């Protein structure tokens, strides 16, 4: 009996070891699947630049543009830090106070850094207002430009731009937002694309060649080139070296902790007190504790 026991034991140990290898392989495959999902989810998918241009064309002021941009169910689906909350996009106005004006769009992260997303500049050209949109290179990649126009006679925003007023600088930041802004989650990619298609279906916004004169700005944008080196977990089209290193460390931590959390839900993806101010004086606002942007 003893002469059969050792061979049987060896076979049993071999089978048990093979099951362990298969299980480990399955776990690695699942981790790789999660990595692919995360890489495929790009920051640029959270803000359609053609839809942004249309929103600006229908705005009444810089503050009105910021308000509409951050409404739930709107064109903003950005979640740069992947905390399952749509980022608040700040608007900064600039220009030469004559016939050229611009709006800079940025996100302020909870670590105090600020990431430029895009800029839109408007210049008078005959009876039209020429509108040029430029996506930030890190977010959208190189030469991501759009051009549009709007008759000045029906361009409501033009009267605001031509009237004497101080430039608007968004006062809002992480944990300190206007009363109209509330926590809302990013929507799934196809839902967002369907939403923006309804806005851009009859749009006159067209791609702009990088070699055209309009692709170059003659205005000084105070936020141009601002980069958040830490805190952006969403994929970027052309990240800086530091941004790439930060994201690699974040992905490694997710794999090490055994998963990617929300990859099965959205591909985009405390206490509340009130007391804040607006850019033109005090108003009802909202300050978020805990998970707020």
Protein backbone atom coordinates (compact mmCIF):
# COMPACT_ATOMS: atom_id res chain seq x y z
CA UNK A 1 0.00 0.00 0.00
CA UNK A 2 2.85 2.37 0.88
CA UNK A 3 4.39 2.04 -2.59
CA UNK A 4 1.19 3.59 -4.11
CA UNK A 5 0.79 6.38 -1.53
CA UNK A 6 3.70 8.62 -2.59
CA UNK A 7 2.83 8.66 -6.34
CA UNK A 8 -0.83 9.47 -5.52
CA UNK A 9 0.28 12.27 -3.20
CA UNK A 10 2.53 13.72 -5.92
CA UNK A 11 -0.35 13.73 -8.43
CA UNK A 12 -2.64 15.44 -5.92
CA UNK A 13 -0.09 18.20 -5.19
CA UNK A 14 0.45 18.73 -8.94
CA UNK A 15 -3.30 19.18 -9.59
CA UNK A 16 -3.63 21.61 -6.66
CA UNK A 17 -0.69 23.68 -7.92
CA UNK A 18 -2.16 23.89 -11.45
CA UNK A 19 -5.46 25.20 -10.07
CA UNK A 20 -3.56 27.92 -8.23
CA UNK A 21 -1.78 28.96 -11.44
CA UNK A 22 -5.08 29.13 -13.37
CA UNK A 23 -6.63 31.25 -10.61
CA UNK A 24 -3.68 33.66 -10.59
CA UNK A 25 -3.81 33.92 -14.37
CA UNK A 26 -7.52 34.75 -14.27
CA UNK A 27 -6.90 37.48 -11.71
CA UNK A 28 -4.13 38.97 -13.86
CA UNK A 29 -6.38 38.89 -16.93
CA UNK A 30 -9.12 40.68 -14.98
CA UNK A 31 -6.61 43.30 -13.84
CA UNK A 32 -5.45 43.80 -17.42
CA UNK A 33 -9.06 44.23 -18.55
CA UNK A 34 -9.51 46.92 -15.91
CA UNK A 35 -6.35 48.71 -17.04
CA UNK A 36 -7.62 48.78 -20.62
CA UNK A 37 -10.94 50.28 -19.53
CA UNK A 38 -9.16 53.00 -17.61
CA UNK A 39 -6.80 53.88 -20.45
CA UNK A 40 -9.71 54.05 -22.91
CA UNK A 41 -11.51 56.61 -20.74
CA UNK A 42 -10.04 59.94 -21.84
CA UNK A 43 -10.44 63.37 -20.25
CA UNK A 44 -11.26 64.96 -23.62
CA UNK A 45 -14.44 62.89 -23.80
CA UNK A 46 -15.82 64.89 -20.89
CA UNK A 47 -16.10 68.25 -22.67
CA UNK A 48 -17.09 68.47 -26.33
CA UNK A 49 -15.42 71.58 -27.77
CA UNK A 50 -18.03 72.12 -30.48
CA UNK A 51 -20.76 72.04 -27.85
CA UNK A 52 -18.71 74.44 -25.70
CA UNK A 53 -18.46 76.85 -28.63
CA UNK A 54 -22.23 76.74 -29.14
CA UNK A 55 -22.77 77.41 -25.44
CA UNK A 56 -20.54 80.50 -25.58
CA UNK A 57 -22.33 81.76 -28.69
CA UNK A 58 -25.59 81.70 -26.73
CA UNK A 59 -24.19 83.14 -23.51
CA UNK A 60 -25.08 86.56 -22.11
CA UNK A 61 -21.94 87.20 -20.06
CA UNK A 62 -18.87 85.41 -18.73
CA UNK A 63 -20.66 84.59 -15.49
CA UNK A 64 -23.70 83.35 -17.40
CA UNK A 65 -21.46 81.05 -19.47
CA UNK A 66 -19.94 79.62 -16.28
CA UNK A 67 -23.42 79.09 -14.82
CA UNK A 68 -24.74 77.24 -17.88
CA UNK A 69 -21.54 75.22 -18.21
CA UNK A 70 -21.86 73.78 -14.70
CA UNK A 71 -25.55 72.90 -14.70
CA UNK A 72 -26.45 69.20 -14.21
CA UNK A 73 -27.46 67.60 -17.49
CA UNK A 74 -25.34 70.06 -19.49
CA UNK A 75 -22.27 69.69 -21.71
CA UNK A 76 -19.79 69.33 -18.84
CA UNK A 77 -19.01 65.69 -18.06
CA UNK A 78 -15.42 66.16 -16.86
CA UNK A 79 -14.10 64.12 -13.93
CA UNK A 80 -10.34 64.61 -14.03
CA UNK A 81 -9.64 63.15 -10.59
CA UNK A 82 -12.10 60.26 -11.06
CA UNK A 83 -13.92 60.79 -7.76
CA UNK A 84 -17.27 60.19 -9.51
CA UNK A 85 -18.23 63.87 -9.38
CA UNK A 86 -18.41 66.21 -12.37
CA UNK A 87 -15.70 68.87 -12.08
CA UNK A 88 -16.62 72.53 -11.71
CA UNK A 89 -15.23 74.46 -14.69
CA UNK A 90 -14.04 77.99 -13.96
CA UNK A 91 -14.29 80.80 -16.51
CA UNK A 92 -11.73 83.61 -16.75
CA UNK A 93 -12.26 86.56 -19.08
CA UNK A 94 -9.41 88.35 -20.87
CA UNK A 95 -8.77 90.44 -23.98
CA UNK A 96 -7.64 93.83 -25.28
CA UNK A 97 -10.88 95.62 -24.26
CA UNK A 98 -11.34 96.74 -27.88
CA UNK A 99 -12.28 94.25 -30.56
CA UNK A 100 -10.75 91.00 -29.25
CA UNK A 101 -11.94 89.06 -26.23
CA UNK A 102 -11.30 85.64 -24.73
CA UNK A 103 -12.56 83.12 -22.21
CA UNK A 104 -10.32 80.61 -20.48
CA UNK A 105 -11.76 77.39 -19.06
CA UNK A 106 -9.95 75.65 -16.21
CA UNK A 107 -10.52 73.09 -13.45
CA UNK A 108 -9.15 73.66 -9.95
CA UNK A 109 -8.26 70.39 -8.26
CA UNK A 110 -8.50 69.72 -4.54
CA UNK A 111 -4.70 69.86 -4.16
CA UNK A 112 -4.69 73.51 -5.21
CA UNK A 113 -3.42 72.92 -8.77
CA UNK A 114 -5.23 74.23 -11.83
CA UNK A 115 -5.54 72.57 -15.24
CA UNK A 116 -6.38 74.54 -18.35
CA UNK A 117 -9.01 72.80 -20.50
CA UNK A 118 -9.65 75.17 -23.40
CA UNK A 119 -9.83 78.79 -24.52
CA UNK A 120 -12.29 80.61 -26.79
CA UNK A 121 -11.46 83.93 -28.45
CA UNK A 122 -13.84 86.29 -30.25
CA UNK A 123 -12.86 89.02 -32.71
CA UNK A 124 -14.87 91.39 -34.87
CA UNK A 125 -14.61 90.70 -38.59
CA UNK A 126 -16.83 92.96 -40.66
CA UNK A 127 -20.43 92.29 -39.68
CA UNK A 128 -19.57 89.00 -37.99
CA UNK A 129 -17.88 87.87 -34.82
CA UNK A 130 -15.17 85.29 -35.54
CA UNK A 131 -14.98 82.64 -32.85
CA UNK A 132 -11.93 80.39 -32.40
CA UNK A 133 -11.81 77.50 -29.91
CA UNK A 134 -8.52 75.89 -28.89
CA UNK A 135 -8.33 72.74 -26.83
CA UNK A 136 -5.51 72.40 -24.32
CA UNK A 137 -2.76 70.22 -25.81
CA UNK A 138 -2.43 67.95 -22.77
CA UNK A 139 -6.16 67.24 -22.68
CA UNK A 140 -7.06 67.14 -26.40
CA UNK A 141 -3.75 66.61 -28.17
CA UNK A 142 -2.04 68.83 -30.74
CA UNK A 143 -3.90 71.17 -33.08
CA UNK A 144 -7.38 70.65 -31.66
CA UNK A 145 -8.91 73.88 -33.01
CA UNK A 146 -12.38 74.94 -34.16
CA UNK A 147 -13.76 78.00 -35.93
CA UNK A 148 -17.21 79.54 -36.08
CA UNK A 149 -18.88 82.88 -36.64
CA UNK A 150 -21.98 84.72 -35.54
CA UNK A 151 -23.66 87.82 -37.02
CA UNK A 152 -23.00 90.68 -34.64
CA UNK A 153 -26.55 91.97 -35.12
CA UNK A 154 -27.94 88.86 -33.36
CA UNK A 155 -24.98 88.12 -31.09
CA UNK A 156 -26.25 88.80 -27.58
CA UNK A 157 -22.83 88.26 -26.00
CA UNK A 158 -21.29 91.00 -28.17
CA UNK A 159 -23.16 93.77 -26.36
CA UNK A 160 -21.73 92.47 -23.08
CA UNK A 161 -18.21 92.33 -24.50
CA UNK A 162 -18.45 95.89 -25.87
CA UNK A 163 -19.92 97.42 -22.72
CA UNK A 164 -17.53 98.78 -20.07
CA UNK A 165 -17.04 96.16 -17.36
CA UNK A 166 -14.26 94.57 -15.34
CA UNK A 167 -13.04 91.21 -16.60
CA UNK A 168 -14.71 88.28 -14.89
CA UNK A 169 -12.44 86.08 -12.79
CA UNK A 170 -14.22 83.07 -11.34
CA UNK A 171 -13.95 83.14 -7.53
CA UNK A 172 -14.94 79.51 -7.04
CA UNK A 173 -12.59 76.74 -6.00
CA UNK A 174 -12.50 73.31 -4.41
CA UNK A 175 -15.10 73.07 -1.65
CA UNK A 176 -16.47 76.57 -2.33
CA UNK A 177 -19.11 76.89 -5.04
CA UNK A 178 -22.14 78.96 -6.07
CA UNK A 179 -25.55 77.96 -4.79
CA UNK A 180 -26.72 76.64 -8.17
CA UNK A 181 -23.93 74.04 -8.27
CA UNK A 182 -24.49 70.67 -6.66
CA UNK A 183 -22.92 67.24 -6.70
CA UNK A 184 -23.80 65.19 -9.78
CA UNK A 185 -22.20 62.13 -11.30
CA UNK A 186 -20.73 61.80 -14.81
CA UNK A 187 -22.93 59.99 -17.32
CA UNK A 188 -21.89 57.06 -19.49
CA UNK A 189 -19.99 57.87 -22.69
CA UNK A 190 -22.78 57.12 -25.18
CA UNK A 191 -25.30 59.11 -23.13
CA UNK A 192 -23.00 62.11 -23.18
CA UNK A 193 -22.37 61.83 -26.92
CA UNK A 194 -26.11 61.71 -27.60
CA UNK A 195 -26.58 64.81 -25.43
CA UNK A 196 -23.94 66.84 -27.27
CA UNK A 197 -25.12 65.68 -30.71
CA UNK A 198 -28.44 67.38 -30.02
CA UNK A 199 -26.54 70.63 -29.47
CA UNK A 200 -24.10 70.41 -32.38
CA UNK A 201 -26.36 68.81 -35.02
CA UNK A 202 -26.94 72.12 -36.87
CA UNK A 203 -23.75 73.77 -35.70
CA UNK A 204 -21.62 76.02 -37.91
CA UNK A 205 -18.54 75.11 -35.87
CA UNK A 206 -15.89 73.50 -38.10
CA UNK A 207 -12.34 72.18 -37.54
CA UNK A 208 -9.59 74.75 -38.01
CA UNK A 209 -6.24 74.04 -39.65
CA UNK A 210 -3.19 74.45 -37.44
CA UNK A 211 -1.55 76.42 -40.27
CA UNK A 212 -4.28 79.06 -40.42
CA UNK A 213 -3.72 82.51 -38.93
CA UNK A 214 -6.75 82.07 -36.66
CA UNK A 215 -5.14 79.12 -34.89
CA UNK A 216 -2.57 81.47 -33.32
CA UNK A 217 -3.63 83.81 -30.53
CA UNK A 218 -2.52 87.43 -30.24
CA UNK A 219 -4.09 87.81 -26.79
CA UNK A 220 -2.55 87.12 -23.39
CA UNK A 221 -4.46 84.35 -21.62
CA UNK A 222 -3.50 84.28 -17.91
CA UNK A 223 -4.21 80.53 -17.73
CA UNK A 224 -2.55 79.41 -20.95
CA UNK A 225 -0.35 76.41 -20.32
CA UNK A 226 -1.44 75.81 -16.73
CA UNK A 227 -0.93 72.15 -15.83
CA UNK A 228 -1.90 70.06 -12.82
CA UNK A 229 1.07 67.78 -12.20
CA UNK A 230 -0.65 65.77 -9.47
CA UNK A 231 -4.28 64.77 -9.20
CA UNK A 232 -5.42 64.00 -12.77
CA UNK A 233 -6.30 60.32 -12.91
CA UNK A 234 -8.23 60.47 -16.17
CA UNK A 235 -6.29 59.70 -19.35
CA UNK A 236 -4.74 62.68 -21.16
CA UNK A 237 -4.01 62.87 -24.88
CA UNK A 238 -0.55 64.39 -24.48
CA UNK A 239 0.39 64.44 -20.77
CA UNK A 240 3.54 66.00 -19.41
CA UNK A 241 6.16 63.67 -18.01
CA UNK A 242 5.06 64.45 -14.45
CA UNK A 243 1.38 63.86 -15.28
CA UNK A 244 2.28 60.54 -16.91
CA UNK A 245 4.27 59.44 -13.85
CA UNK A 246 1.46 60.38 -11.48
CA UNK A 247 -1.11 58.43 -13.46
CA UNK A 248 1.18 55.40 -13.69
CA UNK A 249 1.52 55.39 -9.90
CA UNK A 250 -2.25 55.69 -9.52
CA UNK A 251 -2.87 52.76 -11.88
CA UNK A 252 -0.28 50.69 -9.98
CA UNK A 253 -2.02 51.44 -6.68
CA UNK A 254 -5.36 50.35 -8.12
CA UNK A 255 -3.91 47.08 -9.39
CA UNK A 256 -2.16 46.50 -6.06
CA UNK A 257 -5.38 47.04 -4.13
CA UNK A 258 -7.14 44.45 -6.27
CA UNK A 259 -9.27 46.41 -8.70
CA UNK A 260 -10.38 49.64 -10.27
CA UNK A 261 -13.54 50.32 -8.34
CA UNK A 262 -15.97 52.00 -10.74
CA UNK A 263 -14.89 50.38 -14.02
CA UNK A 264 -18.09 48.35 -14.08
CA UNK A 265 -20.29 51.45 -13.88
CA UNK A 266 -19.39 54.65 -15.69
CA UNK A 267 -16.71 54.84 -18.33
CA UNK A 268 -16.16 58.42 -17.23
CA UNK A 269 -15.75 57.90 -14.64
CA UNK A 270 -19.93 65.38 4.23
CA UNK A 271 -21.47 68.28 5.67
CA UNK A 272 -22.84 71.19 3.71
CA UNK A 273 -22.78 74.80 4.80
CA UNK A 274 -23.79 77.93 2.96
CA UNK A 275 -21.74 81.11 2.86
CA UNK A 276 -19.93 82.41 -0.19
CA UNK A 277 -19.52 85.30 -2.58
CA UNK A 278 -19.80 85.91 -6.30
CA UNK A 279 -17.42 87.82 -8.54
CA UNK A 280 -19.58 90.93 -8.16
CA UNK A 281 -20.45 90.81 -4.50
CA UNK A 282 -21.83 88.55 -1.80
CA UNK A 283 -24.47 85.98 -2.64
CA UNK A 284 -25.77 82.66 -1.47
CA UNK A 285 -23.19 79.98 -2.14
CA UNK A 286 -22.29 76.47 -1.13
CA UNK A 287 -19.29 75.05 0.64
CA UNK A 288 -18.81 71.30 0.47
CA UNK A 289 -16.98 69.22 2.98
CA UNK A 290 -15.83 65.68 2.37
CA UNK A 291 -15.96 64.66 -1.28
CA UNK A 292 -16.75 68.00 -2.88
CA UNK A 293 -14.66 69.25 -5.76
